[in-house]
């Protein structure tokens, strides 16, 4: 008998670590422009997805008519997808049908990708030719083949990368649920990684695989570098910058500022970038206008009018303390990173800033010297089914797991227990057991409201005593937060909610005092408690 834990999939890199292609810019006058193309392309593609969800555009194409046409078409198709249940917008943009993606979204994403590529492929293909080629790469026209045959190496690499993203990686990533399939380390998990000196920077800074809702894998990382890049971009865009990330960003900008000691502070590149981030995030840096213009550069008449406007605003508008503070953020050269009050204020402004996220990714996390995304000369790969092969044992009598025919050839076909599937289908289709509630629009809290407020037929007690979240619909909330929400918004006559904590221990949040205690010590009978399974 060989007992194998469910952590047996092996991806073991070997040999020297090498930088990924299209990450370093190389030499020459266009080195800076070529820097990080492998990471900037997916950020550009994913930015279009976030724009369709109502987020302002981050990449610099807002003045292009072609960009607006592509994004408007994407927004219409996304709305169609939501109406026909081909995609959903809760908890975020989530692709449910890859066929819908290929037919409806891909052509417009190809238009959007062409905007990025046109500045790097040196006119080998025009915009319309690029769109056609990116949409149908397997039906390449003869004229394109000759153009591509003599094209520079960089052009062919970029076009290949764009095709892989549009046809494979993007639909894969958009079909994964954040904080269920992938995400950043947060809270206790991040603290644990920071305490462990053996934790690589890649686990601390990049997205990692999750084995359940809000449950990151203990050691695993994504093996495919481009999947890692895409998941990381999505994770930062959906989670925002963590406090440590904002500090890293501010140190990065301060170092950039110090590299121009002979230039006035408000004209230094690091300071201008900082002001742009704060301004686009809805704040204002002292000494600058709301549009990010240095007040000293305004004409005297404009300065006087601006002062009068601010005086009237102070007299007529009653901003709360937080909003007022965001209008008076310290400039970069006066910012003290050891001052908790100052850094907390900047963090509150920049945490959800896509501009700040993009700068941190491009200039810090995805930099070659960070050793976060790279490749090795060789990999050892295997999976649990290798243990049942003839390499280890001459005979294998059984192989546990979900019953299906995806077995090693040596095991033959799966032997199903007669009637099992029939009994499952019979139970799930029995209206005495199952009822259906259709949501026109839904959210995690909306689902919890239905469960918490539902009453039995006689109206004397709660209708439900358990919620089994098989589809991982309740995202963005910890199990404890779910328990608190249920008790505060319903479940009358129930005295506690059972849930699993981060260590998979059975705990109960009791209504009296909202204290968390172990299930064995709660003293509540089964009919007095509600159970949340996730």
Foldseek 3Di string as FASTA:
>chain_A
DDDDDQPFWFKFFDFDWFFDPQQAQDDDPCSVVSHHPLLVLLLQLVQLQVVLVPDDRQDPPPPPPLQVVLSVQQNVLQVVCLVVVQFDQVVHTAGNDVVSCLPRVLLSSQLSSLVVLVVPQPPLDDSVLSSVCLSCVVPDDPVSVVSVVPTDPRNVVSSVSSSCCSNPQVNVLRNDDEQAFKAADDDPRLVVLVVDPPRAPLNHQWMATAPGRNHGDNHGHDPDLSNRSNRRLVRCLVQFDDLVLLLVLLVVLVVQQVVCVPDDSLPGPSQQLLQCQLLVLPAHEPQADSNSHRLVPDDPVVNVVVVVVVVVCVVPPDDDPLNVVRHYQYGSVPDDSVDPVNSVSSCVRRRNRSSSVVCCVSPPVSRPVSPNRTHHPDIDTDGPLVVQDVVPPVHDDDDDDDADQPHPVRHPGGDDDPPPVVVVVVQQPDPVRDDDDDDSDDHLLRVLLCQFADAPPVRPFRPAQEDACPVPRNHPDAPLRSFVSSLVRHRPQAFWEWEAHNVRFTWIQGPVVRDIDGPVPPPDDSVRYHYYHD
